[in-house]
Amino acid sequence: MGKHKIAVIGVGKIAIDQHLPVIDKSRDFTVAATVSTRGIAHGDRPVFKTAAELYKALPKVEIVAICTPPGVRHGFVREALDAGKHVLMEKPPTPTISELDDLVSYARKKKRILFQTWHSRYNEAVDAARKILRKDGLKSARIDWRESVRKWHPGQDWVWEPGGFGVFDPGINALSIFTKIVPFPVFVDRASLKFPANRQSPVDAEIVFKSAQPHQPQLSAGFNWLEESGEIWTITLETMRGDELKLEKGGTVLRVNGNVTIENPSEEYEQIYAHFAKLLKKGKSDVSDAPLRLVADAFLLGARENVEEFHW
């Protein structure tokens, strides 16, 4: 069987940095075309201004990766499902839970595969931490997720608009790991959100979580988007046995009591496409909404504080 032909819809930074080069080296997929309002092509593949043009010109391309900003993704996914396509979605999935629920239901109705990617979950270190916590329990967890918006979203004003997620755009990566490894449901207890005076989404967030566990584990997270000294993508965990686990570098490194036990290069996007290929073979969708629900609850419960203006 040959490679799956896949079209990439939305050719921004994440598509250029990750999706397109990863597909190029994939053993399961090949880029058939791109859809870009700016006319950005990939090599000699055709480029279309709209998805409708793609579907009309290349009806045999049955798979799309939708890498648009989340605010417009619901319409693009529904359009793809109506055209009979299987769909991979970049994260965050949609700006609301209701829209994501609708897409899950609609994909089922159309008998198409829908895959919501949470790329930070696809690391050996994350899986190892999950197994340890399942066995030894969790006493406390602290997430520290800090990076530079100027580096990762240069000049992209949509991230500051309603539905753009603000600092939760990277923070939801941490929550995707958190909701995978913690061995019980967690809920937002309270949150503090800092908004630049001239923007509509937060630049900094502090969250305290709670659970229904009798031992009441201490769980919290801090996200910041103005870290210029380098990325801090760390989750520190204490087991009920007293061992300290540290997931570092976005979940690619695991330390146990200070000793590195797993350290791998980041191949998250390679893993999501490998998983997508398995889903296509099985005819099965995979959509987790847990990270998005925590973000939504943080916005619902978050106390707002205005801080100094943000300018590029």
Protein backbone atom coordinates (compact mmCIF):
# COMPACT_ATOMS: atom_id res chain seq x y z
CA MET A 1 0.00 0.00 0.00
CA GLY A 2 1.31 3.45 -0.91
CA LYS A 3 1.46 6.51 1.27
CA HIS A 4 -1.66 8.40 2.25
CA LYS A 5 -2.04 11.66 0.34
CA ILE A 6 -2.76 14.50 2.77
CA ALA A 7 -3.46 18.19 2.19
CA VAL A 8 -2.44 20.81 4.75
CA ILE A 9 -4.97 23.58 5.32
CA GLY A 10 -3.50 26.70 6.91
CA VAL A 11 0.20 27.29 6.26
CA GLY A 12 1.44 29.29 9.21
CA LYS A 13 4.41 28.84 11.53
CA ILE A 14 3.37 25.49 13.00
CA ALA A 15 2.66 23.97 9.56
CA ILE A 16 5.97 25.21 8.17
CA ASP A 17 8.03 24.25 11.24
CA GLN A 18 6.41 20.90 12.01
CA HIS A 19 3.63 19.46 9.85
CA LEU A 20 5.12 19.83 6.38
CA PRO A 21 8.68 18.65 7.16
CA VAL A 22 7.39 15.79 9.31
CA ILE A 23 5.02 14.64 6.55
CA ASP A 24 7.91 14.83 4.06
CA LYS A 25 9.90 12.26 6.02
CA SER A 26 6.90 10.14 7.04
CA ARG A 27 6.63 6.57 5.81
CA ASP A 28 2.82 6.83 5.98
CA PHE A 29 1.96 10.20 4.38
CA THR A 30 2.89 12.49 1.52
CA VAL A 31 1.87 16.12 1.00
CA ALA A 32 -0.64 16.38 -1.85
CA ALA A 33 -1.36 20.11 -1.67
CA THR A 34 -1.67 23.12 0.59
CA VAL A 35 -4.46 25.60 1.21
CA SER A 36 -3.17 29.07 1.99
CA THR A 37 -4.85 32.45 1.66
CA ARG A 38 -1.33 33.86 1.22
CA GLY A 39 -0.56 31.39 -1.57
CA ILE A 40 2.18 29.50 0.29
CA ALA A 41 2.98 26.31 -1.59
CA HIS A 42 5.07 23.34 -0.50
CA GLY A 43 7.65 22.47 -3.11
CA ASP A 44 5.98 21.75 -6.43
CA ARG A 45 2.66 20.74 -4.88
CA PRO A 46 -0.41 22.72 -5.89
CA VAL A 47 -1.64 25.48 -3.60
CA PHE A 48 -5.24 26.65 -3.32
CA LYS A 49 -6.72 29.78 -1.78
CA THR A 50 -9.72 27.93 -0.33
CA ALA A 51 -10.50 24.42 0.84
CA ALA A 52 -13.44 24.30 -1.57
CA GLU A 53 -11.03 24.78 -4.48
CA LEU A 54 -8.89 21.93 -3.17
CA TYR A 55 -11.82 19.55 -2.84
CA LYS A 56 -13.02 20.33 -6.35
CA ALA A 57 -9.59 19.99 -7.98
CA LEU A 58 -8.29 16.95 -6.05
CA PRO A 59 -11.33 14.91 -4.99
CA LYS A 60 -9.23 11.76 -4.47
CA VAL A 61 -7.27 13.35 -1.61
CA GLU A 62 -9.16 11.88 1.35
CA ILE A 63 -7.21 13.31 4.29
CA VAL A 64 -6.54 16.85 5.53
CA ALA A 65 -4.51 18.36 8.36
CA ILE A 66 -6.18 21.56 9.54
CA CYS A 67 -3.60 23.94 10.97
CA THR A 68 -5.60 27.17 11.02
CA PRO A 69 -6.01 29.25 14.18
CA PRO A 70 -8.61 27.63 16.48
CA GLY A 71 -11.15 30.43 16.10
CA VAL A 72 -12.07 29.40 12.53
CA ARG A 73 -11.40 25.69 12.77
CA HIS A 74 -14.97 24.50 13.39
CA GLY A 75 -16.11 25.65 9.96
CA PHE A 76 -13.06 24.19 8.21
CA VAL A 77 -13.51 20.79 9.87
CA ARG A 78 -17.21 20.62 9.06
CA GLU A 79 -16.46 21.57 5.46
CA ALA A 80 -13.85 18.80 5.27
CA LEU A 81 -16.23 16.23 6.76
CA ASP A 82 -18.92 17.27 4.30
CA ALA A 83 -16.40 16.67 1.52
CA GLY A 84 -15.80 13.14 2.83
CA LYS A 85 -12.34 13.79 4.30
CA HIS A 86 -10.67 12.32 7.36
CA VAL A 87 -9.36 15.14 9.55
CA LEU A 88 -6.32 15.79 11.75
CA MET A 89 -6.64 18.96 13.85
CA GLU A 90 -3.80 21.02 15.29
CA LYS A 91 -4.23 22.13 18.89
CA PRO A 92 -5.97 23.90 20.57
CA PRO A 93 -8.92 22.27 18.83
CA THR A 94 -11.67 24.90 18.92
CA PRO A 95 -12.35 27.99 21.05
CA THR A 96 -15.32 26.33 22.77
CA ILE A 97 -16.21 22.89 24.08
CA SER A 98 -19.58 23.05 22.32
CA GLU A 99 -17.89 23.34 18.93
CA LEU A 100 -15.59 20.41 19.65
CA ASP A 101 -18.54 18.29 20.81
CA ASP A 102 -20.31 19.13 17.57
CA LEU A 103 -17.33 18.06 15.47
CA VAL A 104 -17.05 14.74 17.29
CA SER A 105 -20.74 14.08 16.70
CA TYR A 106 -20.59 15.24 13.08
CA ALA A 107 -17.56 13.08 12.26
CA ARG A 108 -19.38 10.09 13.69
CA LYS A 109 -22.45 10.93 11.58
CA LYS A 110 -20.32 11.26 8.45
CA LYS A 111 -18.39 8.09 9.32
CA ARG A 112 -15.08 9.92 9.02
CA ILE A 113 -12.03 9.76 11.30
CA LEU A 114 -11.34 12.80 13.47
CA PHE A 115 -8.03 13.07 15.31
CA GLN A 116 -7.38 15.84 17.80
CA THR A 117 -3.63 16.13 18.27
CA TRP A 118 -2.05 16.87 21.64
CA HIS A 119 1.55 16.65 20.51
CA SER A 120 3.16 16.97 23.96
CA ARG A 121 1.57 13.69 25.04
CA TYR A 122 3.58 11.69 22.52
CA ASN A 123 6.79 11.19 24.46
CA GLU A 124 8.29 8.12 26.12
CA ALA A 125 8.98 10.15 29.26
CA VAL A 126 5.29 11.10 29.56
CA ASP A 127 4.21 7.47 29.27
CA ALA A 128 6.79 6.43 31.88
CA ALA A 129 5.62 9.09 34.34
CA ARG A 130 2.03 7.98 33.84
CA LYS A 131 2.90 4.38 34.70
CA ILE A 132 4.75 5.42 37.85
CA LEU A 133 1.85 7.56 39.07
CA ARG A 134 -0.63 4.75 38.37
CA LYS A 135 1.48 2.51 40.62
CA ASP A 136 2.71 4.87 43.33
CA GLY A 137 0.02 7.56 43.46
CA LEU A 138 0.33 11.34 43.36
CA LYS A 139 0.88 13.62 46.36
CA SER A 140 1.60 16.90 44.58
CA ALA A 141 2.16 18.42 41.15
CA ARG A 142 3.47 21.77 39.99
CA ILE A 143 3.45 22.91 36.37
CA ASP A 144 5.82 25.70 35.29
CA TRP A 145 5.34 26.58 31.62
CA ARG A 146 7.06 29.75 30.47
CA GLU A 147 8.08 30.87 27.00
CA SER A 148 8.28 33.90 24.72
CA VAL A 149 5.25 34.82 22.62
CA ARG A 150 7.56 36.92 20.48
CA LYS A 151 9.55 33.81 19.57
CA TRP A 152 6.72 31.32 19.11
CA HIS A 153 3.98 33.58 17.70
CA PRO A 154 5.85 36.53 16.16
CA GLY A 155 3.45 39.27 15.10
CA GLN A 156 0.42 36.96 15.29
CA ASP A 157 -2.23 39.23 16.76
CA TRP A 158 -4.92 36.52 16.62
CA VAL A 159 -3.43 34.88 19.73
CA TRP A 160 -4.44 37.99 21.71
CA GLU A 161 -8.03 38.10 20.45
CA PRO A 162 -11.07 36.45 22.09
CA GLY A 163 -10.78 32.75 21.28
CA GLY A 164 -7.03 33.07 20.68
CA PHE A 165 -6.22 31.48 24.08
CA GLY A 166 -3.38 33.86 24.99
CA VAL A 167 -0.88 32.14 27.29
CA PHE A 168 -3.13 29.08 27.31
CA ASP A 169 -2.04 28.38 23.72
CA PRO A 170 1.25 26.95 25.09
CA GLY A 171 -0.23 26.22 28.51
CA ILE A 172 -2.70 23.73 27.07
CA ASN A 173 0.31 21.62 26.04
CA ALA A 174 1.17 21.24 29.72
CA LEU A 175 -2.44 20.44 30.53
CA SER A 176 -2.49 17.78 27.81
CA ILE A 177 0.36 16.02 29.62
CA PHE A 178 -1.18 16.67 33.04
CA THR A 179 -4.55 15.16 32.12
CA LYS A 180 -2.85 12.10 30.64
CA ILE A 181 -0.56 11.25 33.55
CA VAL A 182 -2.62 12.13 36.65
CA PRO A 183 -4.40 8.95 37.82
CA PHE A 184 -7.65 10.68 38.84
CA PRO A 185 -9.88 13.51 37.59
CA VAL A 186 -8.77 17.06 38.43
CA PHE A 187 -10.75 20.29 38.48
CA VAL A 188 -9.94 23.99 38.55
CA ASP A 189 -10.38 25.35 42.08
CA ARG A 190 -9.35 28.95 41.38
CA ALA A 191 -7.26 30.93 38.93
CA SER A 192 -5.66 34.34 38.50
CA LEU A 193 -5.38 35.67 34.95
CA LYS A 194 -3.33 38.70 33.95
CA PHE A 195 -4.42 40.56 30.80
CA PRO A 196 -2.35 43.23 29.07
CA ALA A 197 -4.43 46.42 29.17
CA ASN A 198 -4.54 46.53 25.35
CA ARG A 199 -5.27 42.82 24.75
CA GLN A 200 -8.20 40.41 25.08
CA SER A 201 -6.43 37.26 26.29
CA PRO A 202 -4.08 36.60 29.21
CA VAL A 203 -0.30 36.84 29.24
CA ASP A 204 0.07 35.12 32.61
CA ALA A 205 -2.01 32.58 34.52
CA GLU A 206 -1.80 30.93 37.92
CA ILE A 207 -4.13 28.00 38.58
CA VAL A 208 -4.88 25.89 41.65
CA PHE A 209 -6.51 22.52 40.99
CA LYS A 210 -8.51 20.24 43.24
CA SER A 211 -9.65 16.63 43.17
CA ALA A 212 -12.03 14.28 44.94
CA GLN A 213 -9.13 12.30 46.42
CA PRO A 214 -9.25 11.82 50.23
CA HIS A 215 -5.58 12.80 50.63
CA GLN A 216 -6.15 16.14 48.82
CA PRO A 217 -3.03 16.37 46.64
CA GLN A 218 -1.53 19.83 46.12
CA LEU A 219 -1.84 20.67 42.42
CA SER A 220 -1.03 23.97 40.69
CA ALA A 221 0.21 25.53 37.46
CA GLY A 222 1.85 28.74 36.37
CA PHE A 223 1.95 29.93 32.74
CA ASN A 224 3.80 32.98 31.43
CA TRP A 225 4.31 34.29 27.90
CA LEU A 226 7.08 36.83 28.45
CA GLU A 227 9.96 34.50 29.34
CA GLU A 228 12.94 35.70 27.30
CA SER A 229 15.70 33.62 28.93
CA GLY A 230 14.63 30.38 27.28
CA GLU A 231 11.77 27.92 27.53
CA ILE A 232 10.76 26.48 30.89
CA TRP A 233 8.47 23.52 30.22
CA THR A 234 8.55 21.53 33.46
CA ILE A 235 6.12 19.45 35.51
CA THR A 236 7.34 18.48 38.99
CA LEU A 237 5.55 15.59 40.71
CA GLU A 238 5.80 13.91 44.10
CA THR A 239 4.50 10.38 44.47
CA MET A 240 2.84 9.02 47.60
CA ARG A 241 6.07 7.09 48.19
CA GLY A 242 8.00 10.35 48.35
CA ASP A 243 9.81 10.08 45.04
CA GLU A 244 10.23 13.22 42.92
CA LEU A 245 9.51 12.99 39.21
CA LYS A 246 10.37 15.82 36.85
CA LEU A 247 9.17 16.03 33.28
CA GLU A 248 11.39 18.58 31.55
CA LYS A 249 11.79 20.12 28.10
CA GLY A 250 8.13 19.74 27.26
CA GLY A 251 7.89 16.13 28.35
CA THR A 252 10.92 14.72 26.53
CA VAL A 253 13.04 14.24 29.68
CA LEU A 254 12.16 12.37 32.86
CA ARG A 255 14.14 12.73 36.08
CA VAL A 256 13.49 10.48 39.05
CA ASN A 257 14.95 11.82 42.30
CA GLY A 258 17.28 14.05 40.29
CA ASN A 259 18.57 11.32 37.96
CA VAL A 260 17.76 11.38 34.25
CA THR A 261 16.05 8.10 33.37
CA ILE A 262 14.71 9.04 29.92
CA GLU A 263 15.99 11.71 27.55
CA ASN A 264 14.88 11.76 23.95
CA PRO A 265 14.92 14.28 21.12
CA SER A 266 11.56 15.87 20.44
CA GLU A 267 9.71 13.76 17.88
CA GLU A 268 6.19 14.65 18.95
CA TYR A 269 4.86 15.43 15.50
CA GLU A 270 6.44 12.31 14.04
CA GLN A 271 4.53 10.36 16.69
CA ILE A 272 1.19 12.07 16.06
CA TYR A 273 1.38 11.22 12.36
CA ALA A 274 2.35 7.64 13.17
CA HIS A 275 -0.66 7.45 15.49
CA PHE A 276 -2.90 9.00 12.84
CA ALA A 277 -1.84 6.29 10.41
CA LYS A 278 -2.88 3.66 12.96
CA LEU A 279 -6.25 5.36 13.44
CA LEU A 280 -6.84 5.36 9.69
CA LYS A 281 -6.00 1.65 9.52
CA LYS A 282 -8.36 0.87 12.40
CA GLY A 283 -11.08 3.25 11.20
CA LYS A 284 -11.16 4.89 14.63
CA SER A 285 -11.33 8.52 15.80
CA ASP A 286 -9.36 9.88 18.75
CA VAL A 287 -10.49 13.12 20.40
CA SER A 288 -9.68 14.07 24.01
CA ASP A 289 -11.33 17.21 25.35
CA ALA A 290 -9.86 17.14 28.89
CA PRO A 291 -7.18 19.82 28.33
CA LEU A 292 -9.68 22.19 26.70
CA ARG A 293 -12.14 21.72 29.55
CA LEU A 294 -9.54 22.78 32.12
CA VAL A 295 -8.75 25.89 30.08
CA ALA A 296 -12.44 26.75 29.82
CA ASP A 297 -12.88 26.30 33.57
CA ALA A 298 -9.85 28.52 34.25
CA PHE A 299 -11.47 31.29 32.19
CA LEU A 300 -14.79 30.78 34.02
CA LEU A 301 -13.25 30.90 37.49
CA GLY A 302 -10.28 33.18 36.83
CA ALA A 303 -9.97 36.51 38.63
CA ARG A 304 -8.91 39.10 36.05
CA GLU A 305 -6.09 41.57 36.62
CA ASN A 306 -5.06 44.21 34.07
CA VAL A 307 -1.32 44.64 33.63
CA GLU A 308 0.89 46.77 31.39
CA GLU A 309 0.22 46.84 27.67
CA PHE A 310 1.84 44.34 25.34
CA HIS A 311 3.52 45.52 22.13
CA TRP A 312 5.50 43.51 19.64
